[in-house]
Amino acid sequence: MIRKFTLPSIEPPFERILGRMGYNKKKSELPIELEEMIRLELVRVRPLFSPRGNTLDLEIVSLDGGKIVLDGGVEFHSVKLADTLTNCRKVTVMAVTAGPLGEHESLTLIQTGELTRGVILDAIGSETVEAFVNYINGVLASEYGLMGWKPAMRFSPGYGDLQLSVQPVILRLLDGEELGIRAHPETYLLDPQKSVTAFIGWYK
């Protein structure tokens, strides 16, 4: 059964936003004006993001080399993912999005010459969806932990040898259209861009 997650908002860690923008506080001092701008944008753009996600727990039927067979005959092919799922008996498949409004606003700002604000908003969007994925991961880990299960490393398409071409399969499993997430028919990149698909294995 698909499980749905929503939050009215989630604020990503300030340091993560700086890192996404390429700032390293150990190597360079952050200008006060920029810090104030980022903090103001964090408040201003909060209504633009509507974190939503769907998850589905499936039994792992077999791991044969790079072939992963899940309950219901769902198959994925990736040696790296199979290695990550070694010793796991279950896997959670997830699709998460921060929605399209933030990236539309970011593009508008950049196109109208407000490059800095546009870049800040883009970084906030990326870290918002990452923070929401971490939130879901934490909820699942707490629940599974009560039953003695531990999570393997989270693994997303595009990492290692897991091709982006699996995105449509994941979205079909998780009713991605209900979330408003689609995969480009040629590149398989997700739309909205501030969206993530991932696998989390569970072992005892």
C-alpha atoms as a PDB file:
ATOM      1  CA  MET A   1       0.000   0.000   0.000  1.00  0.00           C
ATOM      2  CA  ILE A   2       1.264   3.456  -0.909  1.00  0.00           C
ATOM      3  CA  ARG A   3       1.851   5.678   2.095  1.00  0.00           C
ATOM      4  CA  LYS A   4       1.521   9.438   1.710  1.00  0.00           C
ATOM      5  CA  PHE A   5       3.595  12.073   3.505  1.00  0.00           C
ATOM      6  CA  THR A   6       2.920  15.815   3.594  1.00  0.00           C
ATOM      7  CA  LEU A   7       4.157  18.756   5.628  1.00  0.00           C
ATOM      8  CA  PRO A   8       2.901  22.358   5.536  1.00  0.00           C
ATOM      9  CA  SER A   9       6.540  23.433   5.311  1.00  0.00           C
ATOM     10  CA  ILE A  10      10.031  22.361   6.278  1.00  0.00           C
ATOM     11  CA  GLU A  11      13.027  24.652   6.711  1.00  0.00           C
ATOM     12  CA  PRO A  12      16.344  23.272   5.469  1.00  0.00           C
ATOM     13  CA  PRO A  13      19.498  23.829   7.555  1.00  0.00           C
ATOM     14  CA  PHE A  14      21.129  27.190   6.830  1.00  0.00           C
ATOM     15  CA  GLU A  15      24.584  25.613   6.513  1.00  0.00           C
ATOM     16  CA  ARG A  16      23.297  23.194   3.871  1.00  0.00           C
ATOM     17  CA  ILE A  17      21.963  26.083   1.804  1.00  0.00           C
ATOM     18  CA  LEU A  18      25.372  27.767   1.963  1.00  0.00           C
ATOM     19  CA  GLY A  19      27.036  24.535   0.883  1.00  0.00           C
ATOM     20  CA  ARG A  20      24.612  24.169  -2.027  1.00  0.00           C
ATOM     21  CA  MET A  21      25.598  27.697  -3.109  1.00  0.00           C
ATOM     22  CA  GLY A  22      29.271  26.754  -2.995  1.00  0.00           C
ATOM     23  CA  TYR A  23      30.200  28.578   0.216  1.00  0.00           C
ATOM     24  CA  ASN A  24      32.628  27.050   2.676  1.00  0.00           C
ATOM     25  CA  LYS A  25      32.714  29.065   5.895  1.00  0.00           C
ATOM     26  CA  LYS A  26      36.117  27.608   6.728  1.00  0.00           C
ATOM     27  CA  LYS A  27      37.602  29.017   3.529  1.00  0.00           C
ATOM     28  CA  SER A  28      35.705  32.272   3.059  1.00  0.00           C
ATOM     29  CA  GLU A  29      33.759  34.678   5.243  1.00  0.00           C
ATOM     30  CA  LEU A  30      30.094  35.053   4.416  1.00  0.00           C
ATOM     31  CA  PRO A  31      29.166  38.716   3.807  1.00  0.00           C
ATOM     32  CA  ILE A  32      26.589  39.982   6.320  1.00  0.00           C
ATOM     33  CA  GLU A  33      24.420  41.321   3.495  1.00  0.00           C
ATOM     34  CA  LEU A  34      24.258  37.904   1.837  1.00  0.00           C
ATOM     35  CA  GLU A  35      23.467  36.133   5.097  1.00  0.00           C
ATOM     36  CA  GLU A  36      20.604  38.554   5.731  1.00  0.00           C
ATOM     37  CA  MET A  37      19.325  38.065   2.179  1.00  0.00           C
ATOM     38  CA  ILE A  38      19.323  34.278   2.560  1.00  0.00           C
ATOM     39  CA  ARG A  39      17.495  34.426   5.898  1.00  0.00           C
ATOM     40  CA  LEU A  40      14.896  36.821   4.469  1.00  0.00           C
ATOM     41  CA  GLU A  41      14.390  34.581   1.434  1.00  0.00           C
ATOM     42  CA  LEU A  42      13.925  31.558   3.687  1.00  0.00           C
ATOM     43  CA  VAL A  43      10.940  33.287   5.279  1.00  0.00           C
ATOM     44  CA  ARG A  44       9.583  34.825   2.065  1.00  0.00           C
ATOM     45  CA  VAL A  45       9.588  31.668  -0.037  1.00  0.00           C
ATOM     46  CA  ARG A  46       8.273  29.243   2.576  1.00  0.00           C
ATOM     47  CA  PRO A  47       4.733  29.305   1.066  1.00  0.00           C
ATOM     48  CA  LEU A  48       6.170  28.364  -2.354  1.00  0.00           C
ATOM     49  CA  PHE A  49       7.177  24.882  -1.238  1.00  0.00           C
ATOM     50  CA  SER A  50       4.651  22.148  -0.480  1.00  0.00           C
ATOM     51  CA  PRO A  51       6.604  18.998   0.441  1.00  0.00           C
ATOM     52  CA  ARG A  52       4.788  15.814  -0.537  1.00  0.00           C
ATOM     53  CA  GLY A  53       5.945  12.248  -0.881  1.00  0.00           C
ATOM     54  CA  ASN A  54       4.766   8.695  -1.447  1.00  0.00           C
ATOM     55  CA  THR A  55       6.467   5.531  -0.222  1.00  0.00           C
ATOM     56  CA  LEU A  56       5.900   1.841  -0.865  1.00  0.00           C
ATOM     57  CA  ASP A  57       7.377  -1.043   1.142  1.00  0.00           C
ATOM     58  CA  LEU A  58       8.192  -4.174  -0.854  1.00  0.00           C
ATOM     59  CA  GLU A  59       9.726  -7.535  -0.001  1.00  0.00           C
ATOM     60  CA  ILE A  60      12.997  -8.360  -1.750  1.00  0.00           C
ATOM     61  CA  VAL A  61      12.425 -11.624  -3.623  1.00  0.00           C
ATOM     62  CA  SER A  62      15.953 -12.102  -4.956  1.00  0.00           C
ATOM     63  CA  LEU A  63      19.298 -10.415  -5.593  1.00  0.00           C
ATOM     64  CA  ASP A  64      21.034 -12.165  -8.464  1.00  0.00           C
ATOM     65  CA  GLY A  65      24.167 -10.306  -9.509  1.00  0.00           C
ATOM     66  CA  GLY A  66      22.836  -6.953 -10.605  1.00  0.00           C
ATOM     67  CA  LYS A  67      19.237  -8.113 -10.944  1.00  0.00           C
ATOM     68  CA  ILE A  68      16.925  -7.060  -8.129  1.00  0.00           C
ATOM     69  CA  VAL A  69      13.480  -8.677  -8.027  1.00  0.00           C
ATOM     70  CA  LEU A  70      10.896  -7.205  -5.663  1.00  0.00           C
ATOM     71  CA  ASP A  71       7.455  -8.348  -4.583  1.00  0.00           C
ATOM     72  CA  GLY A  72       4.982  -8.278  -7.462  1.00  0.00           C
ATOM     73  CA  GLY A  73       7.641  -9.054 -10.048  1.00  0.00           C
ATOM     74  CA  VAL A  74       9.118  -5.541 -10.076  1.00  0.00           C
ATOM     75  CA  GLU A  75      12.694  -5.654 -11.399  1.00  0.00           C
ATOM     76  CA  PHE A  76      15.620  -3.254 -11.321  1.00  0.00           C
ATOM     77  CA  HIS A  77      19.123  -3.779 -12.648  1.00  0.00           C
ATOM     78  CA  SER A  78      22.109  -2.328 -10.779  1.00  0.00           C
ATOM     79  CA  VAL A  79      25.125  -4.051  -9.254  1.00  0.00           C
ATOM     80  CA  LYS A  80      25.685  -1.120  -6.886  1.00  0.00           C
ATOM     81  CA  LEU A  81      22.095  -1.097  -5.660  1.00  0.00           C
ATOM     82  CA  ALA A  82      22.162  -4.880  -5.247  1.00  0.00           C
ATOM     83  CA  ASP A  83      25.350  -4.560  -3.185  1.00  0.00           C
ATOM     84  CA  THR A  84      23.682  -1.910  -1.021  1.00  0.00           C
ATOM     85  CA  LEU A  85      20.689  -4.196  -0.468  1.00  0.00           C
ATOM     86  CA  THR A  86      22.813  -7.214   0.502  1.00  0.00           C
ATOM     87  CA  ASN A  87      21.376  -8.711   3.718  1.00  0.00           C
ATOM     88  CA  CYS A  88      18.205  -6.609   3.318  1.00  0.00           C
ATOM     89  CA  ARG A  89      14.842  -8.366   3.219  1.00  0.00           C
ATOM     90  CA  LYS A  90      12.664  -5.339   2.560  1.00  0.00           C
ATOM     91  CA  VAL A  91      13.017  -2.114   0.600  1.00  0.00           C
ATOM     92  CA  THR A  92      11.142   1.181   0.703  1.00  0.00           C
ATOM     93  CA  VAL A  93      10.760   2.919  -2.645  1.00  0.00           C
ATOM     94  CA  MET A  94      10.015   6.642  -2.410  1.00  0.00           C
ATOM     95  CA  ALA A  95       9.174   9.636  -4.576  1.00  0.00           C
ATOM     96  CA  VAL A  96       9.289  13.098  -3.018  1.00  0.00           C
ATOM     97  CA  THR A  97       8.788  16.628  -4.335  1.00  0.00           C
ATOM     98  CA  ALA A  98       8.888  20.204  -3.087  1.00  0.00           C
ATOM     99  CA  GLY A  99       6.467  21.216  -5.855  1.00  0.00           C
ATOM    100  CA  PRO A 100       6.939  23.459  -8.916  1.00  0.00           C
ATOM    101  CA  LEU A 101       6.309  26.958  -7.546  1.00  0.00           C
ATOM    102  CA  GLY A 102       9.753  27.494  -6.049  1.00  0.00           C
ATOM    103  CA  GLU A 103      11.645  26.668  -9.226  1.00  0.00           C
ATOM    104  CA  HIS A 104       9.265  28.827 -11.294  1.00  0.00           C
ATOM    105  CA  GLU A 105       9.965  31.766  -8.974  1.00  0.00           C
ATOM    106  CA  SER A 106      13.718  31.090  -9.110  1.00  0.00           C
ATOM    107  CA  LEU A 107      13.675  31.114 -12.919  1.00  0.00           C
ATOM    108  CA  THR A 108      11.650  34.341 -12.965  1.00  0.00           C
ATOM    109  CA  LEU A 109      14.131  36.046 -10.640  1.00  0.00           C
ATOM    110  CA  ILE A 110      17.088  34.985 -12.784  1.00  0.00           C
ATOM    111  CA  GLN A 111      15.384  36.056 -16.011  1.00  0.00           C
ATOM    112  CA  THR A 112      14.586  39.486 -14.565  1.00  0.00           C
ATOM    113  CA  GLY A 113      18.177  40.090 -13.501  1.00  0.00           C
ATOM    114  CA  GLU A 114      17.910  39.169  -9.817  1.00  0.00           C
ATOM    115  CA  LEU A 115      20.562  36.487 -10.146  1.00  0.00           C
ATOM    116  CA  THR A 116      21.594  36.308  -6.495  1.00  0.00           C
ATOM    117  CA  ARG A 117      18.050  35.871  -5.214  1.00  0.00           C
ATOM    118  CA  GLY A 118      17.370  33.335  -7.955  1.00  0.00           C
ATOM    119  CA  VAL A 119      20.413  31.277  -6.984  1.00  0.00           C
ATOM    120  CA  ILE A 120      19.470  31.491  -3.301  1.00  0.00           C
ATOM    121  CA  LEU A 121      15.948  30.286  -4.049  1.00  0.00           C
ATOM    122  CA  ASP A 122      17.260  27.429  -6.188  1.00  0.00           C
ATOM    123  CA  ALA A 123      19.511  26.313  -3.318  1.00  0.00           C
ATOM    124  CA  ILE A 124      16.640  26.578  -0.830  1.00  0.00           C
ATOM    125  CA  GLY A 125      14.488  24.411  -3.106  1.00  0.00           C
ATOM    126  CA  SER A 126      17.148  21.723  -3.435  1.00  0.00           C
ATOM    127  CA  GLU A 127      17.729  21.598   0.300  1.00  0.00           C
ATOM    128  CA  THR A 128      14.007  21.700   1.078  1.00  0.00           C
ATOM    129  CA  VAL A 129      13.372  18.475  -0.816  1.00  0.00           C
ATOM    130  CA  GLU A 130      16.497  16.926   0.730  1.00  0.00           C
ATOM    131  CA  ALA A 131      15.301  17.916   4.219  1.00  0.00           C
ATOM    132  CA  PHE A 132      11.912  16.338   3.500  1.00  0.00           C
ATOM    133  CA  VAL A 133      13.530  13.106   2.291  1.00  0.00           C
ATOM    134  CA  ASN A 134      15.567  13.046   5.506  1.00  0.00           C
ATOM    135  CA  TYR A 135      12.373  13.631   7.503  1.00  0.00           C
ATOM    136  CA  ILE A 136      10.638  10.663   5.849  1.00  0.00           C
ATOM    137  CA  ASN A 137      13.776   8.568   6.274  1.00  0.00           C
ATOM    138  CA  GLY A 138      13.777   9.401   9.973  1.00  0.00           C
ATOM    139  CA  VAL A 139      10.101   8.520  10.432  1.00  0.00           C
ATOM    140  CA  LEU A 140      10.567   5.172   8.694  1.00  0.00           C
ATOM    141  CA  ALA A 141      13.781   4.402  10.598  1.00  0.00           C
ATOM    142  CA  SER A 142      12.021   5.071  13.913  1.00  0.00           C
ATOM    143  CA  GLU A 143       9.082   2.847  13.003  1.00  0.00           C
ATOM    144  CA  TYR A 144      11.191   0.034  11.577  1.00  0.00           C
ATOM    145  CA  GLY A 145      13.603   0.362  14.484  1.00  0.00           C
ATOM    146  CA  LEU A 146      10.841  -0.590  16.920  1.00  0.00           C
ATOM    147  CA  MET A 147      10.690  -3.943  15.107  1.00  0.00           C
ATOM    148  CA  GLY A 148      14.455  -4.417  15.073  1.00  0.00           C
ATOM    149  CA  TRP A 149      15.099  -3.307  11.488  1.00  0.00           C
ATOM    150  CA  LYS A 150      17.993  -1.064  10.467  1.00  0.00           C
ATOM    151  CA  PRO A 151      18.259   1.055   7.290  1.00  0.00           C
ATOM    152  CA  ALA A 152      20.838   0.550   4.571  1.00  0.00           C
ATOM    153  CA  MET A 153      22.249   3.556   2.734  1.00  0.00           C
ATOM    154  CA  ARG A 154      19.679   5.515   0.743  1.00  0.00           C
ATOM    155  CA  PHE A 155      20.231   4.999  -2.982  1.00  0.00           C
ATOM    156  CA  SER A 156      18.853   7.108  -5.849  1.00  0.00           C
ATOM    157  CA  PRO A 157      18.747   6.698  -9.642  1.00  0.00           C
ATOM    158  CA  GLY A 158      21.758   8.317 -11.291  1.00  0.00           C
ATOM    159  CA  TYR A 159      24.055   7.101  -8.517  1.00  0.00           C
ATOM    160  CA  GLY A 160      26.543   4.390  -9.412  1.00  0.00           C
ATOM    161  CA  ASP A 161      25.193   2.195 -12.187  1.00  0.00           C
ATOM    162  CA  LEU A 162      21.494   2.701 -11.409  1.00  0.00           C
ATOM    163  CA  GLN A 163      20.279   4.379 -14.583  1.00  0.00           C
ATOM    164  CA  LEU A 164      17.882   7.329 -14.619  1.00  0.00           C
ATOM    165  CA  SER A 165      15.735   5.266 -16.987  1.00  0.00           C
ATOM    166  CA  VAL A 166      14.238   3.542 -13.911  1.00  0.00           C
ATOM    167  CA  GLN A 167      12.490   6.779 -12.907  1.00  0.00           C
ATOM    168  CA  PRO A 168       9.268   6.063 -14.875  1.00  0.00           C
ATOM    169  CA  VAL A 169       9.034   2.614 -13.247  1.00  0.00           C
ATOM    170  CA  ILE A 170       9.353   4.135  -9.779  1.00  0.00           C
ATOM    171  CA  LEU A 171       6.785   6.825 -10.557  1.00  0.00           C
ATOM    172  CA  ARG A 172       4.292   4.249 -11.820  1.00  0.00           C
ATOM    173  CA  LEU A 173       4.740   2.244  -8.609  1.00  0.00           C
ATOM    174  CA  LEU A 174       4.193   5.312  -6.447  1.00  0.00           C
ATOM    175  CA  ASP A 175       1.461   7.130  -8.384  1.00  0.00           C
ATOM    176  CA  GLY A 176       3.864   9.899  -9.323  1.00  0.00           C
ATOM    177  CA  GLU A 177       1.187  11.744 -11.302  1.00  0.00           C
ATOM    178  CA  GLU A 178      -0.820  12.198  -8.105  1.00  0.00           C
ATOM    179  CA  LEU A 179       2.258  13.913  -6.661  1.00  0.00           C
ATOM    180  CA  GLY A 180       2.659  15.984  -9.827  1.00  0.00           C
ATOM    181  CA  ILE A 181       5.999  14.337 -10.673  1.00  0.00           C
ATOM    182  CA  ARG A 182       6.846  13.263 -14.208  1.00  0.00           C
ATOM    183  CA  ALA A 183       9.999  11.941 -15.846  1.00  0.00           C
ATOM    184  CA  HIS A 184      11.190  13.457 -19.126  1.00  0.00           C
ATOM    185  CA  PRO A 185      10.593  10.854 -21.878  1.00  0.00           C
ATOM    186  CA  GLU A 186      14.158  11.156 -23.227  1.00  0.00           C
ATOM    187  CA  THR A 187      16.412  12.298 -20.370  1.00  0.00           C
ATOM    188  CA  TYR A 188      14.341  10.769 -17.525  1.00  0.00           C
ATOM    189  CA  LEU A 189      15.040  13.869 -15.420  1.00  0.00           C
ATOM    190  CA  LEU A 190      12.270  14.647 -12.970  1.00  0.00           C
ATOM    191  CA  ASP A 191       9.803  17.516 -13.281  1.00  0.00           C
ATOM    192  CA  PRO A 192       9.488  19.399 -10.963  1.00  0.00           C
ATOM    193  CA  GLN A 193      13.271  19.492 -10.689  1.00  0.00           C
ATOM    194  CA  LYS A 194      13.099  19.684  -6.911  1.00  0.00           C
ATOM    195  CA  SER A 195      12.004  16.059  -6.717  1.00  0.00           C
ATOM    196  CA  VAL A 196      13.764  12.880  -5.626  1.00  0.00           C
ATOM    197  CA  THR A 197      13.248   9.141  -6.024  1.00  0.00           C
ATOM    198  CA  ALA A 198      15.124   6.689  -3.831  1.00  0.00           C
ATOM    199  CA  PHE A 199      15.419   3.206  -2.338  1.00  0.00           C
ATOM    200  CA  ILE A 200      16.020   2.387   1.334  1.00  0.00           C
ATOM    201  CA  GLY A 201      16.777  -1.224   2.228  1.00  0.00           C
ATOM    202  CA  TRP A 202      15.984  -2.731   5.643  1.00  0.00           C
ATOM    203  CA  TYR A 203      17.896  -5.497   7.390  1.00  0.00           C
ATOM    204  CA  LYS A 204      18.040  -7.227  10.789  1.00  0.00           C
END
